[in-house]
Amino acid sequence: MGFDWGEFITGIALLIGSVVMLRNPGATMMTLSFIFAIIAIIRGIATLAAFPKLHQLTGGFAWVSGVAGVIDLLVGLLFLFNLESAVIAVAYVFAAWFLIDSIANLLNARHLRQAGTLWFVINLILDIISVLIALLFIMQPVISAVGMVTLLAMFFAVWGINAIITAFARRSI
Protein backbone atom coordinates (compact mmCIF):
# COMPACT_ATOMS: atom_id res chain seq x y z
CA MET A 1 0.00 0.00 0.00
CA GLY A 2 2.80 2.42 0.81
CA PHE A 3 2.92 5.53 2.93
CA ASP A 4 -0.58 6.99 3.37
CA TRP A 5 -0.19 10.70 2.67
CA GLY A 6 -3.93 11.35 3.11
CA GLU A 7 -3.90 9.88 6.59
CA PHE A 8 -0.68 11.74 7.43
CA ILE A 9 -2.08 15.11 6.31
CA THR A 10 -5.30 14.39 8.21
CA GLY A 11 -3.25 13.71 11.33
CA ILE A 12 -1.30 16.95 10.95
CA ALA A 13 -4.54 18.91 10.39
CA LEU A 14 -6.08 17.38 13.51
CA LEU A 15 -3.02 18.25 15.58
CA ILE A 16 -3.08 21.83 14.27
CA GLY A 17 -6.81 22.00 15.01
CA SER A 18 -6.16 20.75 18.54
CA VAL A 19 -3.58 23.47 19.18
CA VAL A 20 -5.82 26.17 17.71
CA MET A 21 -8.71 25.05 19.94
CA LEU A 22 -6.55 25.11 23.05
CA ARG A 23 -5.17 28.55 22.20
CA ASN A 24 -8.63 29.99 21.40
CA PRO A 25 -11.22 28.32 23.65
CA GLY A 26 -13.66 31.22 23.33
CA ALA A 27 -13.63 31.11 19.53
CA THR A 28 -14.00 27.33 19.65
CA MET A 29 -17.09 27.58 21.85
CA MET A 30 -18.54 30.28 19.60
CA THR A 31 -18.00 28.05 16.57
CA LEU A 32 -19.57 25.03 18.30
CA SER A 33 -22.52 27.18 19.36
CA PHE A 34 -22.95 28.50 15.81
CA ILE A 35 -22.93 24.96 14.43
CA PHE A 36 -25.44 23.90 17.10
CA ALA A 37 -27.70 26.84 16.15
CA ILE A 38 -27.61 25.95 12.45
CA ILE A 39 -28.33 22.27 13.20
CA ALA A 40 -31.26 23.23 15.46
CA ILE A 41 -32.72 25.47 12.75
CA ILE A 42 -32.38 22.76 10.09
CA ARG A 43 -33.87 20.15 12.41
CA GLY A 44 -36.77 22.44 13.29
CA ILE A 45 -37.54 23.17 9.64
CA ALA A 46 -37.27 19.48 8.72
CA THR A 47 -39.54 18.43 11.58
CA LEU A 48 -42.15 21.05 10.72
CA ALA A 49 -42.00 20.13 7.02
CA ALA A 50 -42.61 16.47 7.89
CA PHE A 51 -45.40 17.26 10.39
CA PRO A 52 -48.37 16.85 8.02
CA LYS A 53 -47.18 13.42 6.87
CA LEU A 54 -46.36 12.38 10.46
CA HIS A 55 -49.80 13.52 11.61
CA GLN A 56 -51.39 11.53 8.82
CA LEU A 57 -49.40 8.41 9.79
CA THR A 58 -49.56 8.59 13.57
CA GLY A 59 -52.50 10.79 14.42
CA GLY A 60 -52.83 12.06 17.96
CA PHE A 61 -49.29 12.37 19.24
CA ALA A 62 -47.83 14.05 16.17
CA TRP A 63 -48.38 17.39 17.91
CA VAL A 64 -45.43 16.55 20.22
CA SER A 65 -43.11 16.48 17.21
CA GLY A 66 -44.67 19.71 15.95
CA VAL A 67 -43.96 21.43 19.25
CA ALA A 68 -40.41 20.02 19.27
CA GLY A 69 -39.88 21.36 15.74
CA VAL A 70 -41.02 24.84 16.78
CA ILE A 71 -38.76 24.72 19.85
CA ASP A 72 -35.80 23.57 17.75
CA LEU A 73 -36.38 26.39 15.31
CA LEU A 74 -36.77 29.03 18.03
CA VAL A 75 -33.74 27.83 20.00
CA GLY A 76 -31.67 27.76 16.81
CA LEU A 77 -32.68 31.30 15.90
CA LEU A 78 -32.13 32.54 19.45
CA PHE A 79 -28.67 31.01 19.54
CA LEU A 80 -27.82 32.22 16.06
CA PHE A 81 -28.57 35.82 16.99
CA ASN A 82 -27.16 35.56 20.53
CA LEU A 83 -24.09 33.32 20.43
CA GLU A 84 -23.08 34.29 23.99
CA SER A 85 -26.27 32.68 25.32
CA ALA A 86 -25.60 29.65 23.16
CA VAL A 87 -22.11 29.23 24.63
CA ILE A 88 -23.51 29.25 28.16
CA ALA A 89 -26.35 26.87 27.22
CA VAL A 90 -23.95 24.42 25.59
CA ALA A 91 -21.73 24.62 28.68
CA TYR A 92 -24.70 23.83 30.93
CA VAL A 93 -25.68 20.87 28.74
CA PHE A 94 -22.13 19.52 29.04
CA ALA A 95 -22.23 20.02 32.83
CA ALA A 96 -25.63 18.32 33.18
CA TRP A 97 -24.45 15.38 31.08
CA PHE A 98 -21.37 14.98 33.29
CA LEU A 99 -23.50 15.21 36.46
CA ILE A 100 -26.01 12.60 35.25
CA ASP A 101 -23.23 10.18 34.28
CA SER A 102 -21.42 10.76 37.59
CA ILE A 103 -24.56 10.12 39.66
CA ALA A 104 -25.33 6.99 37.60
CA ASN A 105 -21.81 5.69 38.25
CA LEU A 106 -22.16 6.46 41.95
CA LEU A 107 -25.50 4.65 42.18
CA ASN A 108 -24.11 1.59 40.41
CA ALA A 109 -20.81 1.37 42.29
CA ARG A 110 -21.93 -1.31 44.76
CA HIS A 111 -21.36 -4.14 42.28
CA LEU A 112 -17.63 -3.53 42.70
CA ARG A 113 -17.78 -4.92 46.26
CA GLN A 114 -17.55 -8.34 44.62
CA ALA A 115 -14.12 -7.34 43.28
CA GLY A 116 -12.99 -6.33 46.77
CA THR A 117 -13.51 -3.53 49.26
CA LEU A 118 -10.50 -1.55 48.06
CA TRP A 119 -11.81 -1.36 44.48
CA PHE A 120 -15.24 -0.37 45.74
CA VAL A 121 -13.89 2.38 48.00
CA ILE A 122 -11.59 3.80 45.31
CA ASN A 123 -14.46 3.85 42.82
CA LEU A 124 -16.79 5.42 45.38
CA ILE A 125 -14.29 8.20 46.17
CA LEU A 126 -13.70 8.93 42.47
CA ASP A 127 -17.45 8.96 41.77
CA ILE A 128 -18.05 11.43 44.61
CA ILE A 129 -15.26 13.63 43.27
CA SER A 130 -16.86 13.40 39.81
CA VAL A 131 -20.22 14.55 41.19
CA LEU A 132 -18.53 17.48 42.94
CA ILE A 133 -16.71 18.48 39.75
CA ALA A 134 -19.95 18.24 37.80
CA LEU A 135 -21.65 20.52 40.34
CA LEU A 136 -18.74 22.95 39.96
CA PHE A 137 -19.30 22.89 36.20
CA ILE A 138 -22.97 23.75 36.73
CA MET A 139 -22.07 26.60 39.09
CA GLN A 140 -19.32 27.85 36.77
CA PRO A 141 -20.36 27.37 33.13
CA VAL A 142 -17.16 29.04 31.90
CA ILE A 143 -15.15 26.23 33.48
CA SER A 144 -17.48 23.74 31.80
CA ALA A 145 -16.99 25.42 28.42
CA VAL A 146 -13.20 25.43 28.76
CA GLY A 147 -13.33 21.82 29.92
CA MET A 148 -15.38 20.85 26.87
CA VAL A 149 -12.94 22.62 24.55
CA THR A 150 -10.02 20.92 26.28
CA LEU A 151 -11.60 17.47 25.92
CA LEU A 152 -12.41 18.12 22.27
CA ALA A 153 -8.86 19.32 21.64
CA MET A 154 -7.47 16.22 23.39
CA PHE A 155 -9.68 14.02 21.21
CA PHE A 156 -8.41 15.79 18.07
CA ALA A 157 -4.80 15.39 19.27
CA VAL A 158 -5.19 11.66 19.97
CA TRP A 159 -7.02 11.16 16.69
CA GLY A 160 -4.29 13.10 14.88
CA ILE A 161 -1.47 11.11 16.44
CA ASN A 162 -3.29 7.89 15.58
CA ALA A 163 -3.73 9.03 11.96
CA ILE A 164 0.00 9.82 11.68
CA ILE A 165 0.93 6.43 13.17
CA THR A 166 -1.48 4.74 10.75
CA ALA A 167 0.14 6.57 7.83
CA PHE A 168 3.56 5.21 8.80
CA ALA A 169 2.22 1.74 9.60
CA ARG A 170 0.72 1.44 6.13
CA ARG A 171 4.19 1.76 4.60
CA SER A 172 4.81 -1.89 5.28
CA ILE A 173 1.46 -3.16 4.01
C-alpha atoms as a PDB file:
ATOM      1  CA  MET A   1       0.000   0.000   0.000  1.00  0.00           C
ATOM      2  CA  GLY A   2       2.803   2.423   0.814  1.00  0.00           C
ATOM      3  CA  PHE A   3       2.920   5.531   2.931  1.00  0.00           C
ATOM      4  CA  ASP A   4      -0.584   6.990   3.371  1.00  0.00           C
ATOM      5  CA  TRP A   5      -0.193  10.704   2.672  1.00  0.00           C
ATOM      6  CA  GLY A   6      -3.927  11.353   3.109  1.00  0.00           C
ATOM      7  CA  GLU A   7      -3.899   9.881   6.592  1.00  0.00           C
ATOM      8  CA  PHE A   8      -0.679  11.740   7.425  1.00  0.00           C
ATOM      9  CA  ILE A   9      -2.081  15.113   6.306  1.00  0.00           C
ATOM     10  CA  THR A  10      -5.301  14.392   8.207  1.00  0.00           C
ATOM     11  CA  GLY A  11      -3.249  13.715  11.326  1.00  0.00           C
ATOM     12  CA  ILE A  12      -1.297  16.951  10.951  1.00  0.00           C
ATOM     13  CA  ALA A  13      -4.544  18.908  10.386  1.00  0.00           C
ATOM     14  CA  LEU A  14      -6.083  17.380  13.505  1.00  0.00           C
ATOM     15  CA  LEU A  15      -3.022  18.255  15.577  1.00  0.00           C
ATOM     16  CA  ILE A  16      -3.080  21.829  14.274  1.00  0.00           C
ATOM     17  CA  GLY A  17      -6.811  21.997  15.011  1.00  0.00           C
ATOM     18  CA  SER A  18      -6.159  20.753  18.541  1.00  0.00           C
ATOM     19  CA  VAL A  19      -3.576  23.466  19.180  1.00  0.00           C
ATOM     20  CA  VAL A  20      -5.824  26.173  17.708  1.00  0.00           C
ATOM     21  CA  MET A  21      -8.709  25.046  19.936  1.00  0.00           C
ATOM     22  CA  LEU A  22      -6.547  25.115  23.049  1.00  0.00           C
ATOM     23  CA  ARG A  23      -5.165  28.548  22.202  1.00  0.00           C
ATOM     24  CA  ASN A  24      -8.628  29.990  21.400  1.00  0.00           C
ATOM     25  CA  PRO A  25     -11.218  28.321  23.648  1.00  0.00           C
ATOM     26  CA  GLY A  26     -13.657  31.222  23.326  1.00  0.00           C
ATOM     27  CA  ALA A  27     -13.625  31.113  19.535  1.00  0.00           C
ATOM     28  CA  THR A  28     -13.997  27.331  19.647  1.00  0.00           C
ATOM     29  CA  MET A  29     -17.093  27.584  21.852  1.00  0.00           C
ATOM     30  CA  MET A  30     -18.544  30.285  19.596  1.00  0.00           C
ATOM     31  CA  THR A  31     -17.998  28.048  16.570  1.00  0.00           C
ATOM     32  CA  LEU A  32     -19.571  25.029  18.298  1.00  0.00           C
ATOM     33  CA  SER A  33     -22.523  27.183  19.359  1.00  0.00           C
ATOM     34  CA  PHE A  34     -22.953  28.503  15.810  1.00  0.00           C
ATOM     35  CA  ILE A  35     -22.935  24.959  14.429  1.00  0.00           C
ATOM     36  CA  PHE A  36     -25.436  23.901  17.103  1.00  0.00           C
ATOM     37  CA  ALA A  37     -27.704  26.843  16.154  1.00  0.00           C
ATOM     38  CA  ILE A  38     -27.613  25.945  12.454  1.00  0.00           C
ATOM     39  CA  ILE A  39     -28.332  22.268  13.199  1.00  0.00           C
ATOM     40  CA  ALA A  40     -31.263  23.232  15.464  1.00  0.00           C
ATOM     41  CA  ILE A  41     -32.719  25.468  12.746  1.00  0.00           C
ATOM     42  CA  ILE A  42     -32.381  22.756  10.087  1.00  0.00           C
ATOM     43  CA  ARG A  43     -33.865  20.149  12.411  1.00  0.00           C
ATOM     44  CA  GLY A  44     -36.771  22.439  13.293  1.00  0.00           C
ATOM     45  CA  ILE A  45     -37.544  23.167   9.643  1.00  0.00           C
ATOM     46  CA  ALA A  46     -37.268  19.478   8.719  1.00  0.00           C
ATOM     47  CA  THR A  47     -39.543  18.431  11.583  1.00  0.00           C
ATOM     48  CA  LEU A  48     -42.153  21.051  10.716  1.00  0.00           C
ATOM     49  CA  ALA A  49     -42.001  20.132   7.024  1.00  0.00           C
ATOM     50  CA  ALA A  50     -42.610  16.468   7.889  1.00  0.00           C
ATOM     51  CA  PHE A  51     -45.400  17.260  10.387  1.00  0.00           C
ATOM     52  CA  PRO A  52     -48.372  16.846   8.024  1.00  0.00           C
ATOM     53  CA  LYS A  53     -47.179  13.416   6.874  1.00  0.00           C
ATOM     54  CA  LEU A  54     -46.359  12.381  10.457  1.00  0.00           C
ATOM     55  CA  HIS A  55     -49.800  13.519  11.613  1.00  0.00           C
ATOM     56  CA  GLN A  56     -51.391  11.534   8.820  1.00  0.00           C
ATOM     57  CA  LEU A  57     -49.400   8.405   9.788  1.00  0.00           C
ATOM     58  CA  THR A  58     -49.560   8.586  13.572  1.00  0.00           C
ATOM     59  CA  GLY A  59     -52.499  10.793  14.417  1.00  0.00           C
ATOM     60  CA  GLY A  60     -52.831  12.058  17.964  1.00  0.00           C
ATOM     61  CA  PHE A  61     -49.287  12.367  19.244  1.00  0.00           C
ATOM     62  CA  ALA A  62     -47.827  14.054  16.172  1.00  0.00           C
ATOM     63  CA  TRP A  63     -48.376  17.394  17.911  1.00  0.00           C
ATOM     64  CA  VAL A  64     -45.426  16.552  20.217  1.00  0.00           C
ATOM     65  CA  SER A  65     -43.109  16.484  17.205  1.00  0.00           C
ATOM     66  CA  GLY A  66     -44.669  19.714  15.952  1.00  0.00           C
ATOM     67  CA  VAL A  67     -43.958  21.434  19.255  1.00  0.00           C
ATOM     68  CA  ALA A  68     -40.411  20.022  19.272  1.00  0.00           C
ATOM     69  CA  GLY A  69     -39.884  21.364  15.737  1.00  0.00           C
ATOM     70  CA  VAL A  70     -41.018  24.839  16.781  1.00  0.00           C
ATOM     71  CA  ILE A  71     -38.760  24.719  19.854  1.00  0.00           C
ATOM     72  CA  ASP A  72     -35.797  23.567  17.748  1.00  0.00           C
ATOM     73  CA  LEU A  73     -36.378  26.394  15.311  1.00  0.00           C
ATOM     74  CA  LEU A  74     -36.775  29.034  18.034  1.00  0.00           C
ATOM     75  CA  VAL A  75     -33.738  27.827  19.998  1.00  0.00           C
ATOM     76  CA  GLY A  76     -31.666  27.757  16.814  1.00  0.00           C
ATOM     77  CA  LEU A  77     -32.683  31.304  15.895  1.00  0.00           C
ATOM     78  CA  LEU A  78     -32.132  32.544  19.453  1.00  0.00           C
ATOM     79  CA  PHE A  79     -28.672  31.010  19.539  1.00  0.00           C
ATOM     80  CA  LEU A  80     -27.817  32.223  16.056  1.00  0.00           C
ATOM     81  CA  PHE A  81     -28.568  35.818  16.995  1.00  0.00           C
ATOM     82  CA  ASN A  82     -27.161  35.559  20.529  1.00  0.00           C
ATOM     83  CA  LEU A  83     -24.095  33.324  20.434  1.00  0.00           C
ATOM     84  CA  GLU A  84     -23.079  34.289  23.986  1.00  0.00           C
ATOM     85  CA  SER A  85     -26.271  32.684  25.317  1.00  0.00           C
ATOM     86  CA  ALA A  86     -25.603  29.654  23.164  1.00  0.00           C
ATOM     87  CA  VAL A  87     -22.114  29.233  24.626  1.00  0.00           C
ATOM     88  CA  ILE A  88     -23.511  29.249  28.159  1.00  0.00           C
ATOM     89  CA  ALA A  89     -26.354  26.874  27.216  1.00  0.00           C
ATOM     90  CA  VAL A  90     -23.945  24.418  25.587  1.00  0.00           C
ATOM     91  CA  ALA A  91     -21.725  24.617  28.683  1.00  0.00           C
ATOM     92  CA  TYR A  92     -24.702  23.831  30.929  1.00  0.00           C
ATOM     93  CA  VAL A  93     -25.677  20.874  28.742  1.00  0.00           C
ATOM     94  CA  PHE A  94     -22.133  19.520  29.042  1.00  0.00           C
ATOM     95  CA  ALA A  95     -22.232  20.016  32.831  1.00  0.00           C
ATOM     96  CA  ALA A  96     -25.629  18.325  33.176  1.00  0.00           C
ATOM     97  CA  TRP A  97     -24.452  15.379  31.077  1.00  0.00           C
ATOM     98  CA  PHE A  98     -21.371  14.976  33.288  1.00  0.00           C
ATOM     99  CA  LEU A  99     -23.499  15.211  36.460  1.00  0.00           C
ATOM    100  CA  ILE A 100     -26.007  12.599  35.249  1.00  0.00           C
ATOM    101  CA  ASP A 101     -23.229  10.182  34.284  1.00  0.00           C
ATOM    102  CA  SER A 102     -21.422  10.759  37.588  1.00  0.00           C
ATOM    103  CA  ILE A 103     -24.561  10.115  39.657  1.00  0.00           C
ATOM    104  CA  ALA A 104     -25.327   6.994  37.597  1.00  0.00           C
ATOM    105  CA  ASN A 105     -21.810   5.687  38.252  1.00  0.00           C
ATOM    106  CA  LEU A 106     -22.164   6.459  41.954  1.00  0.00           C
ATOM    107  CA  LEU A 107     -25.502   4.654  42.180  1.00  0.00           C
ATOM    108  CA  ASN A 108     -24.105   1.594  40.410  1.00  0.00           C
ATOM    109  CA  ALA A 109     -20.815   1.366  42.292  1.00  0.00           C
ATOM    110  CA  ARG A 110     -21.930  -1.312  44.763  1.00  0.00           C
ATOM    111  CA  HIS A 111     -21.362  -4.139  42.282  1.00  0.00           C
ATOM    112  CA  LEU A 112     -17.628  -3.528  42.702  1.00  0.00           C
ATOM    113  CA  ARG A 113     -17.785  -4.920  46.257  1.00  0.00           C
ATOM    114  CA  GLN A 114     -17.552  -8.336  44.619  1.00  0.00           C
ATOM    115  CA  ALA A 115     -14.116  -7.341  43.278  1.00  0.00           C
ATOM    116  CA  GLY A 116     -12.991  -6.327  46.775  1.00  0.00           C
ATOM    117  CA  THR A 117     -13.514  -3.531  49.262  1.00  0.00           C
ATOM    118  CA  LEU A 118     -10.505  -1.552  48.063  1.00  0.00           C
ATOM    119  CA  TRP A 119     -11.807  -1.359  44.479  1.00  0.00           C
ATOM    120  CA  PHE A 120     -15.242  -0.367  45.737  1.00  0.00           C
ATOM    121  CA  VAL A 121     -13.886   2.381  48.005  1.00  0.00           C
ATOM    122  CA  ILE A 122     -11.589   3.801  45.307  1.00  0.00           C
ATOM    123  CA  ASN A 123     -14.460   3.851  42.821  1.00  0.00           C
ATOM    124  CA  LEU A 124     -16.788   5.425  45.385  1.00  0.00           C
ATOM    125  CA  ILE A 125     -14.292   8.199  46.167  1.00  0.00           C
ATOM    126  CA  LEU A 126     -13.703   8.926  42.473  1.00  0.00           C
ATOM    127  CA  ASP A 127     -17.451   8.955  41.773  1.00  0.00           C
ATOM    128  CA  ILE A 128     -18.052  11.428  44.609  1.00  0.00           C
ATOM    129  CA  ILE A 129     -15.259  13.632  43.270  1.00  0.00           C
ATOM    130  CA  SER A 130     -16.864  13.400  39.809  1.00  0.00           C
ATOM    131  CA  VAL A 131     -20.218  14.547  41.195  1.00  0.00           C
ATOM    132  CA  LEU A 132     -18.533  17.477  42.939  1.00  0.00           C
ATOM    133  CA  ILE A 133     -16.706  18.477  39.753  1.00  0.00           C
ATOM    134  CA  ALA A 134     -19.955  18.239  37.795  1.00  0.00           C
ATOM    135  CA  LEU A 135     -21.648  20.519  40.339  1.00  0.00           C
ATOM    136  CA  LEU A 136     -18.741  22.946  39.957  1.00  0.00           C
ATOM    137  CA  PHE A 137     -19.297  22.895  36.197  1.00  0.00           C
ATOM    138  CA  ILE A 138     -22.967  23.748  36.730  1.00  0.00           C
ATOM    139  CA  MET A 139     -22.073  26.602  39.093  1.00  0.00           C
ATOM    140  CA  GLN A 140     -19.318  27.846  36.769  1.00  0.00           C
ATOM    141  CA  PRO A 141     -20.361  27.374  33.132  1.00  0.00           C
ATOM    142  CA  VAL A 142     -17.165  29.036  31.896  1.00  0.00           C
ATOM    143  CA  ILE A 143     -15.146  26.228  33.483  1.00  0.00           C
ATOM    144  CA  SER A 144     -17.478  23.743  31.803  1.00  0.00           C
ATOM    145  CA  ALA A 145     -16.990  25.419  28.420  1.00  0.00           C
ATOM    146  CA  VAL A 146     -13.202  25.435  28.760  1.00  0.00           C
ATOM    147  CA  GLY A 147     -13.334  21.815  29.916  1.00  0.00           C
ATOM    148  CA  MET A 148     -15.376  20.853  26.873  1.00  0.00           C
ATOM    149  CA  VAL A 149     -12.943  22.616  24.546  1.00  0.00           C
ATOM    150  CA  THR A 150     -10.016  20.916  26.279  1.00  0.00           C
ATOM    151  CA  LEU A 151     -11.602  17.475  25.920  1.00  0.00           C
ATOM    152  CA  LEU A 152     -12.412  18.117  22.273  1.00  0.00           C
ATOM    153  CA  ALA A 153      -8.857  19.316  21.640  1.00  0.00           C
ATOM    154  CA  MET A 154      -7.473  16.217  23.391  1.00  0.00           C
ATOM    155  CA  PHE A 155      -9.676  14.016  21.208  1.00  0.00           C
ATOM    156  CA  PHE A 156      -8.411  15.785  18.074  1.00  0.00           C
ATOM    157  CA  ALA A 157      -4.803  15.390  19.267  1.00  0.00           C
ATOM    158  CA  VAL A 158      -5.193  11.663  19.971  1.00  0.00           C
ATOM    159  CA  TRP A 159      -7.024  11.156  16.687  1.00  0.00           C
ATOM    160  CA  GLY A 160      -4.292  13.101  14.880  1.00  0.00           C
ATOM    161  CA  ILE A 161      -1.472  11.109  16.441  1.00  0.00           C
ATOM    162  CA  ASN A 162      -3.294   7.886  15.580  1.00  0.00           C
ATOM    163  CA  ALA A 163      -3.725   9.025  11.963  1.00  0.00           C
ATOM    164  CA  ILE A 164       0.004   9.816  11.677  1.00  0.00           C
ATOM    165  CA  ILE A 165       0.933   6.431  13.171  1.00  0.00           C
ATOM    166  CA  THR A 166      -1.480   4.740  10.755  1.00  0.00           C
ATOM    167  CA  ALA A 167       0.135   6.567   7.834  1.00  0.00           C
ATOM    168  CA  PHE A 168       3.560   5.214   8.801  1.00  0.00           C
ATOM    169  CA  ALA A 169       2.217   1.740   9.602  1.00  0.00           C
ATOM    170  CA  ARG A 170       0.715   1.440   6.126  1.00  0.00           C
ATOM    171  CA  ARG A 171       4.191   1.762   4.602  1.00  0.00           C
ATOM    172  CA  SER A 172       4.807  -1.891   5.282  1.00  0.00           C
ATOM    173  CA  ILE A 173       1.455  -3.155   4.012  1.00  0.00           C
END
